[in-house]
Protein backbone atom coordinates (compact mmCIF):
# COMPACT_ATOMS: atom_id res chain seq x y z
CA MET A 1 -8.58 36.94 39.75
CA ARG A 2 -9.44 33.21 39.55
CA PHE A 3 -13.04 34.02 40.58
CA PHE A 4 -13.44 36.35 37.59
CA TYR A 5 -11.92 33.70 35.28
CA ILE A 6 -14.56 31.17 36.43
CA LEU A 7 -17.34 33.72 35.85
CA ARG A 8 -16.00 34.22 32.33
CA ILE A 9 -16.19 30.46 31.65
CA ILE A 10 -19.80 30.30 32.92
CA ALA A 11 -20.79 33.21 30.70
CA VAL A 12 -19.26 31.48 27.69
CA LEU A 13 -21.16 28.24 28.44
CA VAL A 14 -24.48 30.03 28.64
CA ALA A 15 -23.85 32.01 25.46
CA GLY A 16 -22.80 28.85 23.63
CA LEU A 17 -25.95 26.86 24.48
CA ILE A 18 -28.74 29.42 23.86
CA VAL A 19 -29.24 31.71 20.90
CA ALA A 20 -32.33 33.98 20.74
CA GLY A 21 -33.94 31.92 23.51
CA GLU A 22 -33.83 28.67 21.51
CA ARG A 23 -31.87 25.49 22.08
CA VAL A 24 -29.65 24.73 19.09
CA GLU A 25 -27.36 21.94 17.93
CA ALA A 26 -23.73 22.67 18.73
CA GLN A 27 -20.28 21.51 17.73
CA SER A 28 -17.16 21.48 19.84
CA PHE A 29 -13.43 21.96 19.49
CA SER A 30 -11.23 18.92 18.90
CA LEU A 31 -8.92 18.56 21.90
CA GLY A 32 -5.93 16.20 22.09
CA VAL A 33 -3.61 16.00 25.11
CA THR A 34 -0.51 13.87 25.76
CA SER A 35 2.12 13.95 28.50
CA SER A 36 5.85 13.32 28.24
CA ALA A 37 5.58 10.44 30.75
CA SER A 38 2.90 8.37 32.44
CA SER A 39 5.05 7.94 35.56
CA ILE A 40 7.93 10.16 36.75
CA LEU A 41 10.12 10.72 39.81
CA VAL A 42 9.48 13.55 42.23
CA SER A 43 11.03 16.88 41.11
CA ASN A 44 11.43 15.73 37.50
CA SER A 45 9.83 17.90 34.85
CA LEU A 46 6.69 16.85 33.02
CA THR A 47 5.52 18.37 29.71
CA TYR A 48 1.96 18.35 28.42
CA THR A 49 1.35 18.70 24.67
CA ILE A 50 -2.09 20.14 23.97
CA ASN A 51 -3.56 20.33 20.45
CA VAL A 52 -6.72 22.35 19.82
CA THR A 53 -8.44 22.15 16.42
CA ASN A 54 -11.11 24.44 15.00
CA PRO A 55 -14.27 22.50 13.97
CA ALA A 56 -14.33 24.47 10.69
CA ILE A 57 -16.77 27.15 11.91
CA VAL A 58 -16.87 30.50 10.12
CA PRO A 59 -16.22 33.01 11.53
CA ALA A 60 -13.26 31.52 13.39
CA PRO A 61 -13.88 30.94 17.12
CA GLU A 62 -11.81 32.55 19.85
CA ALA A 63 -10.35 29.69 21.92
CA LEU A 64 -9.67 29.88 25.66
CA VAL A 65 -7.82 26.89 27.19
CA SER A 66 -7.50 26.33 30.93
CA ASN A 67 -5.24 23.88 32.77
CA MET A 68 -6.15 23.21 36.42
CA LEU A 69 -3.32 21.45 38.31
CA PRO A 70 -3.11 20.31 41.95
CA ALA A 71 -1.21 22.33 44.56
CA SER A 72 1.63 19.78 44.57
CA VAL A 73 2.67 20.85 41.06
CA GLN A 74 4.89 23.82 40.27
CA PHE A 75 4.55 25.71 36.99
CA LEU A 76 7.85 25.92 35.06
CA SER A 77 7.19 27.21 31.54
CA ALA A 78 4.75 27.33 28.67
CA THR A 79 4.78 28.06 24.95
CA ASN A 80 1.93 28.25 22.46
CA THR A 81 1.88 28.69 18.70
CA GLN A 82 -0.47 31.67 18.97
CA GLY A 83 -2.00 33.93 21.60
CA SER A 84 -0.84 34.44 25.18
CA PHE A 85 -1.09 32.77 28.59
CA THR A 86 -1.55 33.82 32.21
CA ASN A 87 -0.65 31.86 35.35
CA TYR A 88 -3.31 32.11 38.09
CA GLY A 89 -1.47 30.00 40.68
CA ASN A 90 -2.19 26.40 39.67
CA THR A 91 -4.55 27.40 36.89
CA ILE A 92 -2.82 28.31 33.64
CA VAL A 93 -5.05 30.00 31.06
CA PHE A 94 -4.12 30.24 27.37
CA ASP A 95 -5.98 32.83 25.30
CA LEU A 96 -5.37 31.61 21.74
CA GLY A 97 -7.41 34.33 20.06
CA LEU A 98 -9.00 33.51 16.70
CA LEU A 99 -8.39 29.83 15.92
CA VAL A 100 -8.54 29.46 12.14
CA THR A 101 -7.21 25.89 11.98
CA ASN A 102 -5.32 24.55 15.00
CA ALA A 103 -2.89 25.54 17.73
CA GLN A 104 -0.44 23.68 19.93
CA ILE A 105 0.45 24.36 23.57
CA LEU A 106 3.47 23.02 25.48
CA LEU A 107 3.09 23.25 29.26
CA THR A 108 6.01 22.13 31.50
CA VAL A 109 5.52 21.58 35.26
CA GLN A 110 7.35 19.97 38.18
CA PRO A 111 5.56 17.60 40.60
CA ASN A 112 6.87 17.98 44.17
CA ALA A 113 5.02 15.19 46.01
CA VAL A 114 4.45 11.45 45.59
CA GLY A 115 1.03 10.37 44.32
CA PHE A 116 -1.15 10.89 41.29
CA ILE A 117 -1.52 14.30 39.67
CA THR A 118 -4.38 15.23 37.38
CA ASN A 119 -4.31 18.04 34.85
CA SER A 120 -7.87 19.04 33.91
CA ILE A 121 -7.94 20.78 30.52
CA THR A 122 -10.95 22.68 29.19
CA VAL A 123 -11.34 24.65 25.98
CA VAL A 124 -14.21 27.06 25.34
CA ALA A 125 -15.09 29.61 22.69
CA THR A 126 -15.34 33.19 23.92
CA ASN A 127 -17.36 34.37 20.88
CA SER A 128 -20.86 34.78 22.23
CA ALA A 129 -22.29 34.58 18.70
CA LEU A 130 -20.91 31.07 18.05
CA ILE A 131 -22.54 27.85 19.15
CA LEU A 132 -19.58 25.86 20.42
CA LEU A 133 -19.84 23.49 23.37
CA PRO A 134 -16.86 23.37 25.74
CA VAL A 135 -14.72 20.24 25.60
CA SER A 136 -12.69 18.88 28.52
CA THR A 137 -10.33 16.04 29.31
CA ASN A 138 -8.18 14.86 32.22
CA ILE A 139 -4.69 13.36 32.05
CA VAL A 140 -3.28 11.52 35.06
CA THR A 141 0.42 10.97 35.87
CA GLN A 142 1.96 8.91 38.66
CA VAL A 143 4.68 10.58 40.77
CA THR A 144 6.94 8.19 42.68
CA ASN A 145 10.20 7.92 44.60
CA LEU A 146 10.87 4.45 43.17
CA VAL A 147 12.69 3.77 39.92
CA PRO A 148 9.86 2.30 37.85
CA VAL A 149 9.85 -0.28 35.08
CA GLN A 150 11.39 0.98 31.85
CA SER A 151 9.63 0.12 28.59
CA ASP A 152 8.94 1.60 25.19
CA LEU A 153 5.23 1.28 24.52
CA GLY A 154 3.96 2.15 21.05
CA VAL A 155 0.74 2.19 19.05
CA VAL A 156 0.10 2.20 15.28
CA LEU A 157 -3.07 2.60 13.19
CA THR A 158 -3.19 0.46 10.05
CA GLY A 159 -5.54 -0.60 7.30
CA PHE A 160 -7.29 2.56 6.14
CA ALA A 161 -7.42 1.59 2.47
CA GLN A 162 -8.14 5.07 1.19
CA GLN A 163 -8.53 8.58 2.53
CA THR A 164 -11.89 9.32 0.86
CA ASN A 165 -14.94 7.24 1.77
CA ILE A 166 -18.69 7.36 1.27
CA VAL A 167 -21.19 7.94 4.08
CA ASN A 168 -22.44 4.57 5.46
CA ASP A 169 -19.56 2.51 3.99
CA LEU A 170 -18.29 -0.24 6.26
CA MET A 171 -14.57 0.23 6.95
CA THR A 172 -12.08 -1.94 8.80
CA TYR A 173 -8.82 -0.80 10.37
CA GLY A 174 -6.33 -2.14 12.87
CA VAL A 175 -4.64 -0.89 16.02
CA THR A 176 -1.34 -2.52 16.95
CA ALA A 177 0.08 -2.14 20.47
CA THR A 178 3.77 -2.97 21.04
CA ASN A 179 6.37 -3.03 23.79
CA LEU A 180 9.92 -2.58 22.52
CA GLY A 181 11.34 -3.17 26.01
CA PRO A 182 13.71 -3.50 27.71
CA ASP A 183 11.32 -4.48 30.56
CA ASP A 184 7.95 -6.18 30.49
CA ALA A 185 5.16 -3.60 30.93
CA PRO A 186 2.38 -4.54 33.38
CA ALA A 187 -1.20 -3.23 33.34
CA VAL A 188 -1.01 -1.76 29.84
CA GLN A 189 -4.06 0.24 28.77
CA LEU A 190 -4.97 1.02 25.16
CA THR A 191 -7.51 3.71 24.24
CA ASN A 192 -9.05 3.79 20.77
CA THR A 193 -10.98 6.99 20.06
CA LEU A 194 -13.75 7.10 17.46
CA PRO A 195 -14.91 10.40 15.96
CA PRO A 196 -18.53 11.55 16.43
CA GLY A 197 -21.01 10.13 13.94
CA VAL A 198 -19.27 6.73 13.68
CA ILE A 199 -20.93 3.43 14.64
CA LEU A 200 -18.78 0.61 16.00
CA LYS A 201 -19.85 -2.62 14.27
CA SER A 202 -17.37 -5.14 15.68
CA VAL A 203 -14.05 -5.66 17.47
CA LEU A 204 -11.66 -8.56 16.89
CA PRO A 205 -10.58 -10.62 18.74
CA ALA A 206 -14.17 -10.92 19.95
CA ASN A 207 -13.10 -12.12 23.41
CA GLN A 208 -11.02 -8.99 24.13
CA PRO A 209 -12.94 -7.09 26.86
CA TYR A 210 -13.17 -3.33 26.78
CA SER A 211 -15.13 -0.49 28.35
CA VAL A 212 -16.71 2.50 26.64
CA VAL A 213 -16.36 6.06 27.93
CA THR A 214 -18.12 8.52 25.57
CA ASN A 215 -16.38 7.82 22.24
CA ASN A 216 -13.33 6.09 23.78
CA LEU A 217 -12.90 2.30 23.73
CA ILE A 218 -10.58 1.40 26.62
CA PHE A 219 -8.78 -1.98 26.57
CA ASP A 220 -6.89 -3.47 29.51
CA LEU A 221 -4.19 -5.46 27.72
CA GLY A 222 -2.53 -6.83 30.86
CA THR A 223 1.24 -7.37 30.65
CA LEU A 224 2.97 -6.74 27.33
CA THR A 225 6.26 -8.62 27.33
CA ALA A 226 9.38 -6.94 25.99
CA GLY A 227 9.39 -7.40 22.24
CA GLY A 228 5.74 -8.43 22.26
CA GLY A 229 2.49 -6.85 21.14
CA THR A 230 -1.14 -7.35 20.30
CA ASN A 231 -3.42 -6.53 17.37
CA LEU A 232 -7.02 -5.32 17.44
CA GLN A 233 -9.30 -4.93 14.43
CA PHE A 234 -12.25 -2.53 14.30
CA THR A 235 -15.12 -2.44 11.81
CA ILE A 236 -16.94 0.89 11.79
CA GLN A 237 -19.59 2.75 9.81
CA PRO A 238 -19.48 6.55 9.43
CA THR A 239 -23.10 7.72 9.36
CA ASN A 240 -24.59 11.01 8.24
CA GLN A 241 -24.61 12.29 11.83
CA PRO A 242 -23.70 14.85 13.07
CA THR A 243 -22.98 16.10 9.55
CA ASN A 244 -23.43 14.55 6.15
CA ALA A 245 -19.74 14.62 5.36
CA GLY A 246 -16.40 15.90 6.55
CA VAL A 247 -13.02 15.01 7.99
CA LEU A 248 -13.05 12.24 10.60
CA ASN A 249 -10.10 11.81 12.94
CA PHE A 250 -9.24 8.36 14.33
CA SER A 251 -6.72 8.13 17.14
CA ALA A 252 -5.29 5.68 19.64
CA SER A 253 -3.03 5.95 22.68
CA ILE A 254 -1.22 3.52 24.96
CA GLY A 255 0.17 3.79 28.47
CA ALA A 256 0.76 2.01 31.75
CA LEU A 257 0.92 3.40 35.28
CA GLY A 258 4.13 2.72 37.17
CA ILE A 259 6.50 2.59 34.20
CA VAL A 260 8.93 4.99 32.57
CA ASP A 261 8.24 5.09 28.86
CA LEU A 262 11.58 5.54 27.13
CA ASN A 263 9.99 6.93 23.95
CA PRO A 264 6.65 8.66 24.61
CA THR A 265 6.53 10.05 21.06
CA ASN A 266 5.06 6.76 19.78
CA ASN A 267 2.41 6.52 22.53
CA THR A 268 -0.21 8.09 20.28
CA ALA A 269 -1.21 7.68 16.65
CA SER A 270 -3.87 9.32 14.54
CA THR A 271 -5.10 9.57 10.97
CA ASN A 272 -7.78 11.50 9.11
CA ILE A 273 -10.22 10.18 6.54
CA TYR A 274 -12.58 12.26 4.45
CA VAL A 275 -16.20 11.11 4.26
CA ILE A 276 -18.45 12.41 1.48
CA ASN A 277 -21.86 11.74 0.02
CA TYR A 278 -22.28 10.25 -3.44
CA LEU A 279 -21.27 12.61 -6.25
CA PRO A 280 -24.09 14.46 -8.09
CA ASP A 281 -23.80 12.42 -11.28
CA GLN A 282 -26.66 10.98 -13.34
CA LEU A 283 -25.97 7.27 -13.82
CA THR A 284 -28.45 4.60 -14.85
CA VAL A 285 -28.35 0.80 -14.75
CA SER A 286 -29.89 -1.70 -17.15
CA LEU A 287 -29.83 -5.50 -17.41
CA ILE A 288 -27.87 -6.78 -20.42
CA SER A 289 -28.13 -10.54 -19.95
CA THR A 290 -30.10 -13.17 -18.12
CA GLN A 291 -28.47 -15.12 -15.32
CA LYS A 292 -26.15 -17.93 -16.38
CA TYR A 293 -24.33 -20.62 -14.44
CA ASN A 294 -20.56 -20.68 -14.97
CA PRO A 295 -19.24 -24.22 -14.40
CA GLN A 296 -15.66 -22.88 -14.34
CA ASN A 297 -16.17 -21.05 -11.03
CA GLY A 298 -19.50 -22.40 -9.81
CA LEU A 299 -21.12 -18.92 -9.73
CA VAL A 300 -24.31 -17.48 -11.18
CA GLU A 301 -23.35 -14.57 -13.45
CA GLN A 302 -25.32 -11.66 -14.91
CA THR A 303 -24.13 -8.69 -16.97
CA ILE A 304 -25.42 -5.18 -16.34
CA MET A 305 -24.71 -1.89 -18.09
CA VAL A 306 -24.01 1.42 -16.36
CA SER A 307 -24.60 4.56 -18.45
CA ASN A 308 -23.77 8.20 -17.78
CA ILE A 309 -26.72 10.32 -18.96
CA GLY A 310 -25.57 13.44 -17.14
CA THR A 311 -23.61 16.45 -18.28
CA ASN A 312 -20.50 15.73 -16.19
CA ALA A 313 -18.05 12.85 -16.26
CA ALA A 314 -18.13 10.46 -13.28
CA PRO A 315 -14.61 9.78 -11.89
CA ALA A 316 -15.73 6.23 -11.07
CA ALA A 317 -19.07 4.42 -10.82
CA ARG A 318 -20.49 2.35 -7.99
CA VAL A 319 -23.44 -0.04 -8.34
CA VAL A 320 -25.20 -0.94 -5.08
CA VAL A 321 -27.34 -4.09 -5.06
CA THR A 322 -30.21 -3.96 -2.57
CA GLY A 323 -32.61 -6.62 -1.32
CA LEU A 324 -30.27 -9.57 -1.96
CA THR A 325 -30.75 -12.94 -0.30
CA ASN A 326 -27.77 -14.40 -2.19
CA ARG A 327 -24.18 -13.30 -1.75
CA LEU A 328 -22.70 -10.90 -4.32
CA PHE A 329 -19.44 -12.80 -4.69
CA ASN A 330 -17.40 -10.05 -6.37
CA ALA A 331 -18.58 -7.19 -4.14
CA SER A 332 -15.73 -4.87 -3.19
CA GLY A 333 -17.51 -3.37 -0.16
CA THR A 334 -20.73 -2.79 1.74
CA ASN A 335 -22.75 0.41 2.20
CA ASN A 336 -25.46 0.44 4.87
CA GLY A 337 -25.64 -3.36 4.66
CA ASN A 338 -25.86 -3.51 0.85
CA PRO A 339 -22.98 -4.91 -1.26
CA PHE A 340 -21.54 -2.94 -4.15
CA VAL A 341 -19.14 -3.21 -7.09
CA VAL A 342 -17.09 -0.33 -8.53
CA TYR A 343 -16.00 0.55 -12.05
CA VAL A 344 -12.66 2.18 -11.33
CA SER A 345 -12.27 4.35 -14.44
CA THR A 346 -13.87 7.58 -15.65
CA LEU A 347 -17.32 7.25 -17.19
CA GLU A 348 -17.69 10.13 -19.61
CA THR A 349 -20.99 11.74 -20.64
CA ASN A 350 -23.04 9.39 -22.87
CA GLN A 351 -20.57 6.58 -22.18
CA SER A 352 -21.60 3.09 -20.97
CA VAL A 353 -19.73 0.14 -19.54
CA ASN A 354 -20.72 -3.49 -18.94
CA LEU A 355 -20.12 -4.97 -15.49
CA LEU A 356 -20.32 -8.67 -14.62
CA LEU A 357 -22.05 -9.52 -11.34
CA GLU A 358 -21.16 -12.86 -9.73
CA PHE A 359 -23.54 -14.46 -7.24
CA LEU A 360 -23.04 -17.38 -4.89
CA ALA A 361 -26.47 -18.91 -5.43
CA ALA A 362 -27.95 -22.40 -5.64
CA SER A 363 -30.30 -21.43 -8.47
CA TYR A 364 -31.38 -18.51 -10.63
CA PHE A 365 -33.37 -15.79 -8.85
CA PRO A 366 -35.27 -12.60 -9.78
CA LEU A 367 -33.10 -9.48 -9.91
CA PRO A 368 -35.23 -6.53 -11.04
CA VAL A 369 -33.39 -3.41 -12.18
CA SER A 370 -35.03 -1.56 -9.27
CA GLN A 371 -32.56 -3.36 -6.95
CA LEU A 372 -29.61 -1.81 -8.78
CA GLN A 373 -28.56 1.76 -7.95
CA ALA A 374 -25.63 3.53 -9.64
CA PHE A 375 -23.72 6.46 -8.13
CA GLY A 376 -20.72 8.54 -9.06
CA VAL A 377 -17.81 8.17 -6.64
CA PRO A 378 -14.16 9.22 -6.42
CA VAL A 379 -11.70 6.74 -7.89
CA PRO A 380 -10.88 4.26 -5.10
CA THR A 381 -7.28 3.74 -4.04
CA LEU A 382 -6.16 0.48 -5.67
CA THR A 383 -2.39 1.00 -5.49
CA PRO A 384 -0.78 -2.15 -4.04
CA PRO A 385 0.84 -1.73 -0.62
CA ALA A 386 4.59 -1.30 -0.40
CA ALA A 387 6.58 -4.52 -0.74
CA GLY A 388 7.71 -4.32 2.87
CA SER A 389 4.14 -4.45 4.20
CA THR A 390 3.06 -7.55 2.24
CA SER A 391 4.37 -11.05 1.88
CA ALA A 392 6.38 -12.05 -1.18
CA SER A 393 4.33 -12.77 -4.27
CA LEU A 394 3.32 -16.37 -4.86
CA ASN A 395 4.28 -18.51 -7.81
CA ILE A 396 1.53 -18.60 -10.44
CA SER A 397 1.09 -22.17 -11.65
CA ARG A 398 -0.87 -21.51 -14.82
CA LEU A 399 -1.98 -18.57 -16.94
CA VAL A 400 -4.62 -19.69 -19.45
CA PRO A 401 -6.46 -17.50 -22.01
CA LEU A 402 -10.05 -18.78 -22.15
CA ALA A 403 -12.12 -19.06 -25.32
CA ASN A 404 -14.37 -16.13 -24.35
CA GLY A 405 -11.37 -13.77 -23.89
CA ASP A 406 -11.12 -14.06 -20.10
CA MET A 407 -7.83 -14.96 -18.42
CA LEU A 408 -7.51 -17.80 -15.89
CA VAL A 409 -4.84 -17.44 -13.20
CA GLU A 410 -4.08 -20.50 -11.05
CA PHE A 411 -1.90 -20.52 -7.94
CA PRO A 412 -1.28 -22.67 -4.81
CA THR A 413 -3.06 -21.63 -1.61
CA THR A 414 -3.57 -22.48 2.05
CA VAL A 415 -7.12 -23.20 3.14
CA GLY A 416 -8.59 -20.21 4.99
CA ALA A 417 -5.87 -17.75 3.93
CA ALA A 418 -6.73 -14.56 2.01
CA TYR A 419 -5.03 -13.53 -1.23
CA THR A 420 -4.91 -10.40 -3.38
CA VAL A 421 -4.38 -10.37 -7.14
CA VAL A 422 -2.39 -7.47 -8.61
CA TYR A 423 -2.31 -6.75 -12.35
CA SER A 424 -0.48 -4.41 -14.73
CA ASP A 425 -0.09 -3.76 -18.43
CA ASN A 426 3.72 -3.97 -18.24
CA VAL A 427 6.16 -6.49 -16.86
CA ALA A 428 7.77 -3.90 -14.55
CA PHE A 429 4.39 -3.37 -12.80
CA SER A 430 4.96 0.39 -12.87
CA ASN A 431 1.20 1.08 -12.89
CA ALA A 432 0.00 -1.97 -10.95
CA ALA A 433 -3.47 -2.07 -9.42
CA ILE A 434 -5.28 -4.34 -6.99
CA ALA A 435 -8.10 -6.46 -8.41
CA PRO A 436 -10.79 -6.41 -5.70
CA PRO A 437 -12.09 -8.20 -3.77
CA ALA A 438 -9.56 -10.30 -1.83
CA ILE A 439 -10.02 -14.07 -2.18
CA VAL A 440 -10.29 -16.54 0.70
CA ALA A 441 -9.01 -19.99 -0.31
CA THR A 442 -11.26 -23.02 0.21
CA ALA A 443 -8.72 -25.53 -1.13
CA ASN A 444 -4.97 -25.91 -1.65
CA ARG A 445 -5.19 -24.52 -5.19
CA LEU A 446 -7.25 -21.62 -6.51
CA GLN A 447 -8.34 -20.48 -9.96
CA TRP A 448 -9.08 -16.78 -10.39
CA ILE A 449 -10.58 -15.40 -13.61
CA ASP A 450 -9.92 -11.94 -15.02
CA TYR A 451 -13.14 -11.10 -16.91
CA GLY A 452 -12.71 -7.31 -16.89
CA PRO A 453 -14.96 -4.78 -15.08
CA PRO A 454 -15.66 -4.44 -12.24
CA THR A 455 -12.74 -6.55 -10.97
CA THR A 456 -10.23 -5.09 -13.44
CA VAL A 457 -10.43 -1.86 -15.40
CA SER A 458 -10.91 -3.53 -18.80
CA VAL A 459 -11.37 -6.90 -20.46
CA PRO A 460 -8.02 -8.66 -21.04
CA VAL A 461 -7.32 -8.86 -24.76
CA ASN A 462 -4.65 -11.55 -24.75
CA ALA A 463 -1.89 -13.04 -22.65
CA THR A 464 0.72 -10.49 -23.78
CA ASN A 465 -0.80 -7.23 -22.55
CA ARG A 466 -1.63 -8.07 -18.93
CA PHE A 467 0.65 -9.35 -16.19
CA TYR A 468 -0.32 -10.74 -12.78
CA ARG A 469 1.06 -11.21 -9.29
CA VAL A 470 -0.61 -12.83 -6.30
CA PHE A 471 0.06 -11.83 -2.67
CA LEU A 472 -0.79 -13.59 0.56
CA ASN A 473 -2.53 -11.01 2.73
CA PRO A 474 -0.92 -10.22 6.11
């Protein structure tokens, strides 16, 4: 029976790689596997949780999942959210049938000998008409007679500012590894998995070594003391490969051989972001003013106008500045190496808005309109983080209306620290919004000016209709 199962897998592989005699590009299932423990005692039960996700192919693929276990492991039970399973000795095969979205499998076994056991999981599509590559993974568990170290390892993903992003935007997020004890955990390993089509730009701290296996970044964290942890920061760029847009899944997992993890449910973390191309709006950019030096902030400023000449409203507008040799000081992000600012309100048909560009430059410089490109984008997420995830707001020393209608906000700072300004049109801050970008202090006191778009949604009219708070970034 197992021989015929293997022949079936080979037939599926061949059918999935060649259509009408031609080699074609293929996608694959998304496969995630965790185990209830990284180290267990002999004769204790071990449960694998297997998640299989459809890569959004129509018609839906028929998914066949195989689990190949060593002879020292006894099958106990299995459940799956759809389909059926068959036990061929130490190979358990799950026929999930048509997989419209995703399915979950729970497989429970009992190791009966000391050593390391490996469960090799493979998922293939049995539809010969679909071009789906098989995807496989291995998960290793230590089986011992000794009572191992007991710890609670955990991992958390943080810092995804918004769930919708533009192709080629630079994005930064964090992965936090913790050990809640009670014992110190030796030889801790953290795996950060990037989705296909994402370029890794940098990792902080820069001296943290890691290895790369396909799209997995594997970090040897050494010993995590009880109550301790470590933080890693990743800067990535989702490109237009393998597809121009879609859902990207980021995940991380943590484990250590030779320990009993008291709470394996927090050993993995994942989140989805949605990456899209620019919206099909017709926006134009024109220069409104020449460059002027502002002695109040030491920046070179220039006003531009963004106009919507299309037939549809743009939810928000982004202006990308290309070919710069000077820093765009008030840029809120970078796309493919070019800084951009965003007008965070709807731009209706035949409507225009003025945006102030601030440059850190020693002198005036040519900025032809050909270096300015405007695009329609979704409204970015500017809701301030929950109070529990930020420090307490700082005391604002001065709030000064300037002669030109701008508002000056002054507050004490620490050199090198980053700060975020939050504003609202009511004292309760019920509709508060972040004013991007964050500010890095270069002295022990900082003056920030609210001049309206693109930093805030509109020009402040007077000191009574806009309220401010300043937060020290974590």
